[in-house]
């Protein structure tokens, strides 16, 4: 039975899901803006626009999330990742995307992805 992290990883690996959510939010902003002859709905439009912005921001980090959440990563891979980024990375409850981004792991995406690909 997959762990919660593995389930999230499998969900994010589905090629169309994140983009389908983004498309749905785009259509919602268009609808609530009154485009196409409908009436302007300011409050729902603001919520849809904020949601669209957050999903688009999240999609930018999807390659990093896919690399770090790879269930094939073993202890040797985590050691290699730590050597690359310059700090210890563990798959635990305190490691978050925000923490990784604060440590500028995105600048090492190419090498992180290579280690993750080796683990697959």
PDB file of N, CA and C in Angstrom:
ATOM      1  N   UNK A   1       0.851  -1.179   0.000  1.00  0.00           N
ATOM      2  CA  UNK A   1       0.000   0.000   0.000  1.00  0.00           C
ATOM      3  C   UNK A   1       0.897   1.242   0.000  1.00  0.00           C
ATOM      4  N   UNK A   2       0.648   2.183  -0.919  1.00  0.00           N
ATOM      5  CA  UNK A   2       1.500   3.366  -1.007  1.00  0.00           C
ATOM      6  C   UNK A   2       1.311   4.303   0.189  1.00  0.00           C
ATOM      7  N   UNK A   3       2.406   4.973   0.552  1.00  0.00           N
ATOM      8  CA  UNK A   3       2.342   5.974   1.611  1.00  0.00           C
ATOM      9  C   UNK A   3       1.646   7.220   1.072  1.00  0.00           C
ATOM     10  N   UNK A   4       1.352   8.147   1.948  1.00  0.00           N
ATOM     11  CA  UNK A   4       0.701   9.393   1.521  1.00  0.00           C
ATOM     12  C   UNK A   4       1.581  10.153   0.530  1.00  0.00           C
ATOM     13  N   UNK A   5       2.886  10.189   0.797  1.00  0.00           N
ATOM     14  CA  UNK A   5       3.807  10.872  -0.111  1.00  0.00           C
ATOM     15  C   UNK A   5       3.810  10.203  -1.476  1.00  0.00           C
ATOM     16  N   UNK A   6       3.805   8.866  -1.494  1.00  0.00           N
ATOM     17  CA  UNK A   6       3.791   8.154  -2.768  1.00  0.00           C
ATOM     18  C   UNK A   6       2.493   8.391  -3.529  1.00  0.00           C
ATOM     19  N   UNK A   7       1.374   8.496  -2.810  1.00  0.00           N
ATOM     20  CA  UNK A   7       0.092   8.781  -3.464  1.00  0.00           C
ATOM     21  C   UNK A   7       0.105  10.172  -4.093  1.00  0.00           C
ATOM     22  N   UNK A   8       0.649  11.143  -3.368  1.00  0.00           N
ATOM     23  CA  UNK A   8       0.745  12.505  -3.900  1.00  0.00           C
ATOM     24  C   UNK A   8       1.651  12.509  -5.126  1.00  0.00           C
ATOM     25  N   UNK A   9       2.764  11.792  -5.021  1.00  0.00           N
ATOM     26  CA  UNK A   9       3.694  11.711  -6.155  1.00  0.00           C
ATOM     27  C   UNK A   9       2.992  11.137  -7.381  1.00  0.00           C
ATOM     28  N   UNK A  10       2.251  10.041  -7.202  1.00  0.00           N
ATOM     29  CA  UNK A  10       1.554   9.423  -8.328  1.00  0.00           C
ATOM     30  C   UNK A  10       0.513  10.378  -8.917  1.00  0.00           C
ATOM     31  N   UNK A  11      -0.174  11.121  -8.055  1.00  0.00           N
ATOM     32  CA  UNK A  11      -1.170  12.079  -8.513  1.00  0.00           C
ATOM     33  C   UNK A  11      -0.517  13.192  -9.325  1.00  0.00           C
ATOM     34  N   UNK A  12       0.599  13.725  -8.829  1.00  0.00           N
ATOM     35  CA  UNK A  12       1.279  14.808  -9.533  1.00  0.00           C
ATOM     36  C   UNK A  12       1.931  14.337 -10.822  1.00  0.00           C
ATOM     37  N   UNK A  13       2.270  13.061 -10.911  1.00  0.00           N
ATOM     38  CA  UNK A  13       2.881  12.529 -12.122  1.00  0.00           C
ATOM     39  C   UNK A  13       1.862  12.360 -13.244  1.00  0.00           C
ATOM     40  N   UNK A  14       0.567  12.401 -12.888  1.00  0.00           N
ATOM     41  CA  UNK A  14      -0.458  12.292 -13.923  1.00  0.00           C
ATOM     42  C   UNK A  14      -0.306  13.519 -14.820  1.00  0.00           C
ATOM     43  N   UNK A  15      -0.037  13.322 -16.092  1.00  0.00           N
ATOM     44  CA  UNK A  15       0.357  14.434 -16.950  1.00  0.00           C
ATOM     45  C   UNK A  15      -0.680  15.536 -17.132  1.00  0.00           C
ATOM     46  N   UNK A  16      -1.954  15.221 -17.021  1.00  0.00           N
ATOM     47  CA  UNK A  16      -2.944  16.246 -17.347  1.00  0.00           C
ATOM     48  C   UNK A  16      -3.621  16.873 -16.136  1.00  0.00           C
ATOM     49  N   UNK A  17      -3.509  16.279 -14.963  1.00  0.00           N
ATOM     50  CA  UNK A  17      -4.265  16.770 -13.815  1.00  0.00           C
ATOM     51  C   UNK A  17      -3.941  18.206 -13.423  1.00  0.00           C
ATOM     52  N   UNK A  18      -2.674  18.564 -13.154  1.00  0.00           N
ATOM     53  CA  UNK A  18      -2.407  19.953 -12.760  1.00  0.00           C
ATOM     54  C   UNK A  18      -2.840  20.959 -13.816  1.00  0.00           C
ATOM     55  N   UNK A  19      -2.656  20.615 -15.078  1.00  0.00           N
ATOM     56  CA  UNK A  19      -3.023  21.534 -16.153  1.00  0.00           C
ATOM     57  C   UNK A  19      -4.546  21.604 -16.319  1.00  0.00           C
ATOM     58  N   UNK A  20      -5.236  20.522 -16.004  1.00  0.00           N
ATOM     59  CA  UNK A  20      -6.698  20.534 -16.062  1.00  0.00           C
ATOM     60  C   UNK A  20      -7.256  21.478 -15.005  1.00  0.00           C
ATOM     61  N   UNK A  21      -6.645  21.474 -13.828  1.00  0.00           N
ATOM     62  CA  UNK A  21      -7.073  22.392 -12.760  1.00  0.00           C
ATOM     63  C   UNK A  21      -6.848  23.833 -13.202  1.00  0.00           C
ATOM     64  N   UNK A  22      -5.710  24.083 -13.803  1.00  0.00           N
ATOM     65  CA  UNK A  22      -5.394  25.434 -14.279  1.00  0.00           C
ATOM     66  C   UNK A  22      -6.380  25.876 -15.358  1.00  0.00           C
ATOM     67  N   UNK A  23      -6.714  24.977 -16.296  1.00  0.00           N
ATOM     68  CA  UNK A  23      -7.690  25.307 -17.350  1.00  0.00           C
ATOM     69  C   UNK A  23      -9.050  25.638 -16.750  1.00  0.00           C
ATOM     70  N   UNK A  24      -9.462  24.866 -15.752  1.00  0.00           N
ATOM     71  CA  UNK A  24     -10.760  25.087 -15.111  1.00  0.00           C
ATOM     72  C   UNK A  24     -10.786  26.459 -14.433  1.00  0.00           C
ATOM     73  N   UNK A  25      -9.709  26.822 -13.766  1.00  0.00           N
ATOM     74  CA  UNK A  25      -9.646  28.143 -13.133  1.00  0.00           C
ATOM     75  C   UNK A  25      -9.617  29.256 -14.172  1.00  0.00           C
ATOM     76  N   UNK A  26      -8.950  29.038 -15.292  1.00  0.00           N
ATOM     77  CA  UNK A  26      -8.932  30.028 -16.367  1.00  0.00           C
ATOM     78  C   UNK A  26     -10.347  30.255 -16.892  1.00  0.00           C
ATOM     79  N   UNK A  27     -11.072  29.159 -17.101  1.00  0.00           N
ATOM     80  CA  UNK A  27     -12.452  29.280 -17.578  1.00  0.00           C
ATOM     81  C   UNK A  27     -13.327  29.983 -16.544  1.00  0.00           C
ATOM     82  N   UNK A  28     -13.077  29.721 -15.272  1.00  0.00           N
ATOM     83  CA  UNK A  28     -13.854  30.372 -14.213  1.00  0.00           C
ATOM     84  C   UNK A  28     -13.612  31.874 -14.200  1.00  0.00           C
ATOM     85  N   UNK A  29     -12.349  32.281 -14.358  1.00  0.00           N
ATOM     86  CA  UNK A  29     -12.061  33.726 -14.370  1.00  0.00           C
ATOM     87  C   UNK A  29     -12.728  34.387 -15.572  1.00  0.00           C
ATOM     88  N   UNK A  30     -12.713  33.709 -16.689  1.00  0.00           N
ATOM     89  CA  UNK A  30     -13.363  34.250 -17.883  1.00  0.00           C
ATOM     90  C   UNK A  30     -14.871  34.389 -17.656  1.00  0.00           C
ATOM     91  N   UNK A  31     -15.476  33.357 -17.081  1.00  0.00           N
ATOM     92  CA  UNK A  31     -16.918  33.370 -16.828  1.00  0.00           C
ATOM     93  C   UNK A  31     -17.296  34.474 -15.833  1.00  0.00           C
ATOM     94  N   UNK A  32     -16.583  34.552 -14.720  1.00  0.00           N
ATOM     95  CA  UNK A  32     -16.920  35.531 -13.680  1.00  0.00           C
ATOM     96  C   UNK A  32     -16.577  36.958 -14.085  1.00  0.00           C
ATOM     97  N   UNK A  33     -15.714  37.119 -15.096  1.00  0.00           N
ATOM     98  CA  UNK A  33     -15.356  38.476 -15.534  1.00  0.00           C
ATOM     99  C   UNK A  33     -16.431  39.093 -16.424  1.00  0.00           C
ATOM    100  N   UNK A  34     -17.383  38.270 -16.844  1.00  0.00           N
ATOM    101  CA  UNK A  34     -18.441  38.773 -17.707  1.00  0.00           C
ATOM    102  C   UNK A  34     -18.104  38.657 -19.169  1.00  0.00           C
ATOM    103  N   UNK A  35     -16.993  38.041 -19.479  1.00  0.00           N
ATOM    104  CA  UNK A  35     -16.621  37.855 -20.884  1.00  0.00           C
ATOM    105  C   UNK A  35     -17.662  36.971 -21.561  1.00  0.00           C
ATOM    106  N   UNK A  36     -17.975  37.273 -22.771  1.00  0.00           N
ATOM    107  CA  UNK A  36     -18.970  36.498 -23.503  1.00  0.00           C
ATOM    108  C   UNK A  36     -20.390  36.942 -23.217  1.00  0.00           C
ATOM    109  N   UNK A  37     -20.560  38.121 -22.655  1.00  0.00           N
ATOM    110  CA  UNK A  37     -21.899  38.661 -22.447  1.00  0.00           C
ATOM    111  C   UNK A  37     -22.503  38.394 -21.090  1.00  0.00           C
ATOM    112  N   UNK A  38     -21.822  37.654 -20.224  1.00  0.00           N
ATOM    113  CA  UNK A  38     -22.359  37.407 -18.880  1.00  0.00           C
ATOM    114  C   UNK A  38     -22.162  38.610 -17.987  1.00  0.00           C
ATOM    115  N   UNK A  39     -22.677  38.493 -16.772  1.00  0.00           N
ATOM    116  CA  UNK A  39     -22.532  39.625 -15.852  1.00  0.00           C
ATOM    117  C   UNK A  39     -21.257  39.485 -15.026  1.00  0.00           C
ATOM    118  N   UNK A  40     -20.653  40.616 -14.711  1.00  0.00           N
ATOM    119  CA  UNK A  40     -19.446  40.661 -13.899  1.00  0.00           C
ATOM    120  C   UNK A  40     -19.788  40.246 -12.471  1.00  0.00           C
ATOM    121  N   UNK A  41     -19.018  39.317 -11.929  1.00  0.00           N
ATOM    122  CA  UNK A  41     -19.185  38.863 -10.540  1.00  0.00           C
ATOM    123  C   UNK A  41     -17.852  39.072  -9.840  1.00  0.00           C
ATOM    124  N   UNK A  42     -17.730  40.184  -9.171  1.00  0.00           N
ATOM    125  CA  UNK A  42     -16.446  40.617  -8.614  1.00  0.00           C
ATOM    126  C   UNK A  42     -15.877  39.671  -7.570  1.00  0.00           C
ATOM    127  N   UNK A  43     -16.668  39.267  -6.586  1.00  0.00           N
ATOM    128  CA  UNK A  43     -16.146  38.418  -5.508  1.00  0.00           C
ATOM    129  C   UNK A  43     -15.701  37.050  -6.032  1.00  0.00           C
ATOM    130  N   UNK A  44     -16.548  36.339  -6.798  1.00  0.00           N
ATOM    131  CA  UNK A  44     -16.076  35.053  -7.328  1.00  0.00           C
ATOM    132  C   UNK A  44     -14.892  35.210  -8.284  1.00  0.00           C
ATOM    133  N   UNK A  45     -14.868  36.321  -9.028  1.00  0.00           N
ATOM    134  CA  UNK A  45     -13.759  36.572  -9.938  1.00  0.00           C
ATOM    135  C   UNK A  45     -12.453  36.700  -9.161  1.00  0.00           C
ATOM    136  N   UNK A  46     -12.477  37.410  -8.055  1.00  0.00           N
ATOM    137  CA  UNK A  46     -11.272  37.585  -7.233  1.00  0.00           C
ATOM    138  C   UNK A  46     -10.770  36.242  -6.706  1.00  0.00           C
ATOM    139  N   UNK A  47     -11.684  35.385  -6.261  1.00  0.00           N
ATOM    140  CA  UNK A  47     -11.307  34.061  -5.754  1.00  0.00           C
ATOM    141  C   UNK A  47     -10.722  33.214  -6.882  1.00  0.00           C
ATOM    142  N   UNK A  48     -11.363  33.218  -8.036  1.00  0.00           N
ATOM    143  CA  UNK A  48     -10.880  32.431  -9.174  1.00  0.00           C
ATOM    144  C   UNK A  48      -9.507  32.923  -9.640  1.00  0.00           C
ATOM    145  N   UNK A  49      -9.303  34.233  -9.674  1.00  0.00           N
ATOM    146  CA  UNK A  49      -8.009  34.779 -10.096  1.00  0.00           C
ATOM    147  C   UNK A  49      -6.904  34.415  -9.102  1.00  0.00           C
ATOM    148  N   UNK A  50      -7.222  34.493  -7.813  1.00  0.00           N
ATOM    149  CA  UNK A  50      -6.231  34.116  -6.800  1.00  0.00           C
ATOM    150  C   UNK A  50      -5.896  32.629  -6.916  1.00  0.00           C
ATOM    151  N   UNK A  51      -6.912  31.796  -7.097  1.00  0.00           N
ATOM    152  CA  UNK A  51      -6.687  30.363  -7.271  1.00  0.00           C
ATOM    153  C   UNK A  51      -5.848  30.065  -8.494  1.00  0.00           C
ATOM    154  N   UNK A  52      -6.155  30.750  -9.603  1.00  0.00           N
ATOM    155  CA  UNK A  52      -5.400  30.562 -10.842  1.00  0.00           C
ATOM    156  C   UNK A  52      -3.936  30.944 -10.639  1.00  0.00           C
ATOM    157  N   UNK A  53      -3.699  32.056  -9.964  1.00  0.00           N
ATOM    158  CA  UNK A  53      -2.330  32.509  -9.703  1.00  0.00           C
ATOM    159  C   UNK A  53      -1.576  31.484  -8.836  1.00  0.00           C
ATOM    160  N   UNK A  54      -2.241  30.958  -7.810  1.00  0.00           N
ATOM    161  CA  UNK A  54      -1.582  29.986  -6.931  1.00  0.00           C
ATOM    162  C   UNK A  54      -1.267  28.690  -7.659  1.00  0.00           C
ATOM    163  N   UNK A  55      -2.176  28.230  -8.495  1.00  0.00           N
ATOM    164  CA  UNK A  55      -1.936  27.002  -9.248  1.00  0.00           C
ATOM    165  C   UNK A  55      -0.794  27.216 -10.240  1.00  0.00           C
ATOM    166  N   UNK A  56      -0.767  28.364 -10.913  1.00  0.00           N
ATOM    167  CA  UNK A  56       0.312  28.644 -11.859  1.00  0.00           C
ATOM    168  C   UNK A  56       1.658  28.711 -11.132  1.00  0.00           C
ATOM    169  N   UNK A  57       1.678  29.307  -9.950  1.00  0.00           N
ATOM    170  CA  UNK A  57       2.916  29.358  -9.161  1.00  0.00           C
ATOM    171  C   UNK A  57       3.358  27.949  -8.767  1.00  0.00           C
ATOM    172  N   UNK A  58       2.384  27.122  -8.393  1.00  0.00           N
ATOM    173  CA  UNK A  58       2.677  25.746  -8.016  1.00  0.00           C
ATOM    174  C   UNK A  58       3.234  24.961  -9.200  1.00  0.00           C
ATOM    175  N   UNK A  59       2.654  25.152 -10.384  1.00  0.00           N
ATOM    176  CA  UNK A  59       3.095  24.422 -11.573  1.00  0.00           C
ATOM    177  C   UNK A  59       4.558  24.705 -11.904  1.00  0.00           C
ATOM    178  N   UNK A  60       5.029  25.898 -11.569  1.00  0.00           N
ATOM    179  CA  UNK A  60       6.436  26.232 -11.805  1.00  0.00           C
ATOM    180  C   UNK A  60       7.367  25.310 -11.033  1.00  0.00           C
ATOM    181  N   UNK A  61       6.897  24.821  -9.884  1.00  0.00           N
ATOM    182  CA  UNK A  61       7.736  23.989  -9.022  1.00  0.00           C
ATOM    183  C   UNK A  61       7.492  22.493  -9.211  1.00  0.00           C
ATOM    184  N   UNK A  62       6.617  22.132 -10.122  1.00  0.00           N
ATOM    185  CA  UNK A  62       6.272  20.730 -10.323  1.00  0.00           C
ATOM    186  C   UNK A  62       7.470  19.844 -10.676  1.00  0.00           C
ATOM    187  N   UNK A  63       8.395  20.284 -11.541  1.00  0.00           N
ATOM    188  CA  UNK A  63       9.556  19.431 -11.813  1.00  0.00           C
ATOM    189  C   UNK A  63      10.379  19.127 -10.553  1.00  0.00           C
ATOM    190  N   UNK A  64      10.534  20.111  -9.691  1.00  0.00           N
ATOM    191  CA  UNK A  64      11.264  19.902  -8.436  1.00  0.00           C
ATOM    192  C   UNK A  64      10.505  18.942  -7.522  1.00  0.00           C
ATOM    193  N   UNK A  65       9.197  19.132  -7.414  1.00  0.00           N
ATOM    194  CA  UNK A  65       8.373  18.264  -6.577  1.00  0.00           C
ATOM    195  C   UNK A  65       8.444  16.830  -7.077  1.00  0.00           C
ATOM    196  N   UNK A  66       8.340  16.645  -8.376  1.00  0.00           N
ATOM    197  CA  UNK A  66       8.435  15.303  -8.948  1.00  0.00           C
ATOM    198  C   UNK A  66       9.783  14.659  -8.639  1.00  0.00           C
ATOM    199  N   UNK A  67      10.841  15.429  -8.723  1.00  0.00           N
ATOM    200  CA  UNK A  67      12.180  14.887  -8.458  1.00  0.00           C
ATOM    201  C   UNK A  67      12.347  14.500  -6.990  1.00  0.00           C
ATOM    202  N   UNK A  68      11.930  15.362  -6.085  1.00  0.00           N
ATOM    203  CA  UNK A  68      12.128  15.133  -4.650  1.00  0.00           C
ATOM    204  C   UNK A  68      11.179  14.064  -4.107  1.00  0.00           C
ATOM    205  N   UNK A  69      10.006  13.949  -4.670  1.00  0.00           N
ATOM    206  CA  UNK A  69       9.010  12.992  -4.162  1.00  0.00           C
ATOM    207  C   UNK A  69       9.120  11.617  -4.810  1.00  0.00           C
ATOM    208  N   UNK A  70      10.122  11.401  -5.609  1.00  0.00           N
ATOM    209  CA  UNK A  70      10.296  10.112  -6.271  1.00  0.00           C
ATOM    210  C   UNK A  70      10.403   9.006  -5.211  1.00  0.00           C
ATOM    211  N   UNK A  71       9.471   8.046  -5.219  1.00  0.00           N
ATOM    212  CA  UNK A  71       9.516   6.983  -4.208  1.00  0.00           C
ATOM    213  C   UNK A  71      10.718   6.063  -4.356  1.00  0.00           C
ATOM    214  N   UNK A  72      11.426   6.126  -5.482  1.00  0.00           N
ATOM    215  CA  UNK A  72      12.605   5.301  -5.688  1.00  0.00           C
ATOM    216  C   UNK A  72      13.866   5.833  -5.017  1.00  0.00           C
ATOM    217  N   UNK A  73      13.804   7.041  -4.468  1.00  0.00           N
ATOM    218  CA  UNK A  73      14.983   7.613  -3.822  1.00  0.00           C
ATOM    219  C   UNK A  73      15.346   6.800  -2.578  1.00  0.00           C
ATOM    220  N   UNK A  74      16.581   6.325  -2.552  1.00  0.00           N
ATOM    221  CA  UNK A  74      17.102   5.571  -1.412  1.00  0.00           C
ATOM    222  C   UNK A  74      18.059   6.465  -0.629  1.00  0.00           C
ATOM    223  N   UNK A  75      18.563   5.949   0.485  1.00  0.00           N
ATOM    224  CA  UNK A  75      19.457   6.729   1.346  1.00  0.00           C
ATOM    225  C   UNK A  75      20.645   7.286   0.571  1.00  0.00           C
ATOM    226  N   UNK A  76      21.217   6.507  -0.328  1.00  0.00           N
ATOM    227  CA  UNK A  76      22.375   6.982  -1.100  1.00  0.00           C
ATOM    228  C   UNK A  76      22.003   8.175  -1.986  1.00  0.00           C
ATOM    229  N   UNK A  77      20.768   8.190  -2.477  1.00  0.00           N
ATOM    230  CA  UNK A  77      20.322   9.309  -3.300  1.00  0.00           C
ATOM    231  C   UNK A  77      20.161  10.572  -2.458  1.00  0.00           C
ATOM    232  N   UNK A  78      19.630  10.419  -1.234  1.00  0.00           N
ATOM    233  CA  UNK A  78      19.467  11.566  -0.354  1.00  0.00           C
ATOM    234  C   UNK A  78      20.828  12.153   0.018  1.00  0.00           C
ATOM    235  N   UNK A  79      21.823  11.284   0.212  1.00  0.00           N
ATOM    236  CA  UNK A  79      23.185  11.751   0.504  1.00  0.00           C
ATOM    237  C   UNK A  79      23.725  12.519  -0.707  1.00  0.00           C
ATOM    238  N   UNK A  80      23.502  11.983  -1.902  1.00  0.00           N
ATOM    239  CA  UNK A  80      23.955  12.667  -3.121  1.00  0.00           C
ATOM    240  C   UNK A  80      23.258  14.018  -3.277  1.00  0.00           C
ATOM    241  N   UNK A  81      21.964  14.067  -2.988  1.00  0.00           N
ATOM    242  CA  UNK A  81      21.226  15.336  -3.071  1.00  0.00           C
ATOM    243  C   UNK A  81      21.782  16.350  -2.075  1.00  0.00           C
ATOM    244  N   UNK A  82      22.082  15.893  -0.864  1.00  0.00           N
ATOM    245  CA  UNK A  82      22.648  16.797   0.154  1.00  0.00           C
ATOM    246  C   UNK A  82      23.991  17.357  -0.309  1.00  0.00           C
ATOM    247  N   UNK A  83      24.797  16.520  -0.949  1.00  0.00           N
ATOM    248  CA  UNK A  83      26.090  16.989  -1.475  1.00  0.00           C
ATOM    249  C   UNK A  83      25.885  18.052  -2.556  1.00  0.00           C
ATOM    250  N   UNK A  84      24.862  17.876  -3.367  1.00  0.00           N
ATOM    251  CA  UNK A  84      24.591  18.817  -4.453  1.00  0.00           C
ATOM    252  C   UNK A  84      24.113  20.160  -3.924  1.00  0.00           C
ATOM    253  N   UNK A  85      23.147  20.134  -3.013  1.00  0.00           N
ATOM    254  CA  UNK A  85      22.509  21.385  -2.579  1.00  0.00           C
ATOM    255  C   UNK A  85      23.192  22.027  -1.374  1.00  0.00           C
ATOM    256  N   UNK A  86      24.016  21.263  -0.656  1.00  0.00           N
ATOM    257  CA  UNK A  86      24.771  21.838   0.455  1.00  0.00           C
ATOM    258  C   UNK A  86      24.063  21.815   1.793  1.00  0.00           C
ATOM    259  N   UNK A  87      22.978  21.081   1.902  1.00  0.00           N
ATOM    260  CA  UNK A  87      22.300  20.904   3.185  1.00  0.00           C
ATOM    261  C   UNK A  87      21.574  19.571   3.180  1.00  0.00           C
ATOM    262  N   UNK A  88      21.294  19.051   4.371  1.00  0.00           N
ATOM    263  CA  UNK A  88      20.659  17.744   4.475  1.00  0.00           C
ATOM    264  C   UNK A  88      19.194  17.813   4.067  1.00  0.00           C
ATOM    265  N   UNK A  89      18.805  16.863   3.243  1.00  0.00           N
ATOM    266  CA  UNK A  89      17.410  16.741   2.822  1.00  0.00           C
ATOM    267  C   UNK A  89      16.936  15.373   3.262  1.00  0.00           C
ATOM    268  N   UNK A  90      15.780  15.344   3.877  1.00  0.00           N
ATOM    269  CA  UNK A  90      15.177  14.076   4.281  1.00  0.00           C
ATOM    270  C   UNK A  90      13.722  14.079   3.875  1.00  0.00           C
ATOM    271  N   UNK A  91      13.190  12.904   3.663  1.00  0.00           N
ATOM    272  CA  UNK A  91      11.756  12.774   3.423  1.00  0.00           C
ATOM    273  C   UNK A  91      11.119  12.594   4.803  1.00  0.00           C
ATOM    274  N   UNK A  92      10.706  13.706   5.385  1.00  0.00           N
ATOM    275  CA  UNK A  92      10.075  13.658   6.697  1.00  0.00           C
ATOM    276  C   UNK A  92       9.041  14.772   6.808  1.00  0.00           C
ATOM    277  N   UNK A  93       8.425  14.876   7.974  1.00  0.00           N
ATOM    278  CA  UNK A  93       7.336  15.844   8.151  1.00  0.00           C
ATOM    279  C   UNK A  93       7.798  17.292   8.261  1.00  0.00           C
ATOM    280  N   UNK A  94       9.093  17.540   8.454  1.00  0.00           N
ATOM    281  CA  UNK A  94       9.562  18.927   8.532  1.00  0.00           C
ATOM    282  C   UNK A  94      10.102  19.456   7.206  1.00  0.00           C
ATOM    283  N   UNK A  95      10.357  18.563   6.268  1.00  0.00           N
ATOM    284  CA  UNK A  95      10.829  19.007   4.962  1.00  0.00           C
ATOM    285  C   UNK A  95       9.624  19.434   4.124  1.00  0.00           C
ATOM    286  N   UNK A  96       9.637  20.686   3.735  1.00  0.00           N
ATOM    287  CA  UNK A  96       8.533  21.222   2.950  1.00  0.00           C
ATOM    288  C   UNK A  96       9.085  21.883   1.692  1.00  0.00           C
ATOM    289  N   UNK A  97       8.209  22.083   0.743  1.00  0.00           N
ATOM    290  CA  UNK A  97       8.612  22.778  -0.478  1.00  0.00           C
ATOM    291  C   UNK A  97       9.126  24.168  -0.134  1.00  0.00           C
ATOM    292  N   UNK A  98       8.467  24.865   0.757  1.00  0.00           N
ATOM    293  CA  UNK A  98       8.898  26.215   1.150  1.00  0.00           C
ATOM    294  C   UNK A  98      10.319  26.187   1.706  1.00  0.00           C
ATOM    295  N   UNK A  99      10.618  25.209   2.578  1.00  0.00           N
ATOM    296  CA  UNK A  99      11.963  25.102   3.159  1.00  0.00           C
ATOM    297  C   UNK A  99      12.993  24.869   2.061  1.00  0.00           C
ATOM    298  N   UNK A 100      12.679  23.980   1.127  1.00  0.00           N
ATOM    299  CA  UNK A 100      13.611  23.696   0.044  1.00  0.00           C
ATOM    300  C   UNK A 100      13.829  24.922  -0.841  1.00  0.00           C
ATOM    301  N   UNK A 101      12.757  25.632  -1.136  1.00  0.00           N
ATOM    302  CA  UNK A 101      12.875  26.837  -1.960  1.00  0.00           C
ATOM    303  C   UNK A 101      13.648  27.937  -1.220  1.00  0.00           C
ATOM    304  N   UNK A 102      13.449  28.031   0.090  1.00  0.00           N
ATOM    305  CA  UNK A 102      14.189  29.023   0.882  1.00  0.00           C
ATOM    306  C   UNK A 102      15.694  28.749   0.861  1.00  0.00           C
ATOM    307  N   UNK A 103      16.050  27.490   0.693  1.00  0.00           N
ATOM    308  CA  UNK A 103      17.462  27.106   0.600  1.00  0.00           C
ATOM    309  C   UNK A 103      17.957  27.110  -0.849  1.00  0.00           C
ATOM    310  N   UNK A 104      17.169  27.665  -1.740  1.00  0.00           N
ATOM    311  CA  UNK A 104      17.535  27.848  -3.150  1.00  0.00           C
ATOM    312  C   UNK A 104      17.823  26.537  -3.877  1.00  0.00           C
ATOM    313  N   UNK A 105      17.053  25.508  -3.554  1.00  0.00           N
ATOM    314  CA  UNK A 105      17.253  24.215  -4.222  1.00  0.00           C
ATOM    315  C   UNK A 105      16.889  24.292  -5.703  1.00  0.00           C
ATOM    316  N   UNK A 106      16.033  25.225  -6.075  1.00  0.00           N
ATOM    317  CA  UNK A 106      15.615  25.352  -7.475  1.00  0.00           C
ATOM    318  C   UNK A 106      16.802  25.637  -8.399  1.00  0.00           C
ATOM    319  N   UNK A 107      17.830  26.274  -7.876  1.00  0.00           N
ATOM    320  CA  UNK A 107      19.009  26.557  -8.712  1.00  0.00           C
ATOM    321  C   UNK A 107      19.794  25.281  -9.029  1.00  0.00           C
ATOM    322  N   UNK A 108      19.480  24.191  -8.344  1.00  0.00           N
ATOM    323  CA  UNK A 108      20.147  22.908  -8.566  1.00  0.00           C
ATOM    324  C   UNK A 108      19.207  21.899  -9.239  1.00  0.00           C
ATOM    325  N   UNK A 109      18.130  22.377  -9.833  1.00  0.00           N
ATOM    326  CA  UNK A 109      17.098  21.485 -10.371  1.00  0.00           C
ATOM    327  C   UNK A 109      17.657  20.453 -11.346  1.00  0.00           C
ATOM    328  N   UNK A 110      18.526  20.854 -12.226  1.00  0.00           N
ATOM    329  CA  UNK A 110      19.088  19.932 -13.227  1.00  0.00           C
ATOM    330  C   UNK A 110      19.755  18.739 -12.549  1.00  0.00           C
ATOM    331  N   UNK A 111      20.634  19.005 -11.581  1.00  0.00           N
ATOM    332  CA  UNK A 111      21.362  17.922 -10.915  1.00  0.00           C
ATOM    333  C   UNK A 111      20.435  17.103 -10.019  1.00  0.00           C
ATOM    334  N   UNK A 112      19.496  17.768  -9.352  1.00  0.00           N
ATOM    335  CA  UNK A 112      18.527  17.058  -8.507  1.00  0.00           C
ATOM    336  C   UNK A 112      17.706  16.101  -9.365  1.00  0.00           C
ATOM    337  N   UNK A 113      17.289  16.560 -10.527  1.00  0.00           N
ATOM    338  CA  UNK A 113      16.518  15.710 -11.439  1.00  0.00           C
ATOM    339  C   UNK A 113      17.329  14.524 -11.933  1.00  0.00           C
ATOM    340  N   UNK A 114      18.602  14.741 -12.170  1.00  0.00           N
ATOM    341  CA  UNK A 114      19.469  13.640 -12.621  1.00  0.00           C
ATOM    342  C   UNK A 114      19.559  12.552 -11.548  1.00  0.00           C
ATOM    343  N   UNK A 115      19.724  12.941 -10.293  1.00  0.00           N
ATOM    344  CA  UNK A 115      19.788  11.968  -9.191  1.00  0.00           C
ATOM    345  C   UNK A 115      18.454  11.237  -9.089  1.00  0.00           C
ATOM    346  N   UNK A 116      17.359  11.981  -9.189  1.00  0.00           N
ATOM    347  CA  UNK A 116      16.034  11.366  -9.119  1.00  0.00           C
ATOM    348  C   UNK A 116      15.819  10.393 -10.265  1.00  0.00           C
ATOM    349  N   UNK A 117      16.262  10.760 -11.453  1.00  0.00           N
ATOM    350  CA  UNK A 117      16.112   9.875 -12.616  1.00  0.00           C
ATOM    351  C   UNK A 117      16.917   8.586 -12.417  1.00  0.00           C
ATOM    352  N   UNK A 118      18.075   8.686 -11.797  1.00  0.00           N
ATOM    353  CA  UNK A 118      18.883   7.495 -11.520  1.00  0.00           C
ATOM    354  C   UNK A 118      18.172   6.565 -10.544  1.00  0.00           C
ATOM    355  N   UNK A 119      17.361   7.149  -9.667  1.00  0.00           N
ATOM    356  CA  UNK A 119      16.661   6.357  -8.655  1.00  0.00           C
ATOM    357  C   UNK A 119      15.431   5.640  -9.231  1.00  0.00           C
ATOM    358  N   UNK A 120      14.992   6.073 -10.389  1.00  0.00           N
ATOM    359  CA  UNK A 120      13.781   5.483 -10.987  1.00  0.00           C
ATOM    360  C   UNK A 120      14.065   4.166 -11.658  1.00  0.00           C
TER     361      UNK A 120
END
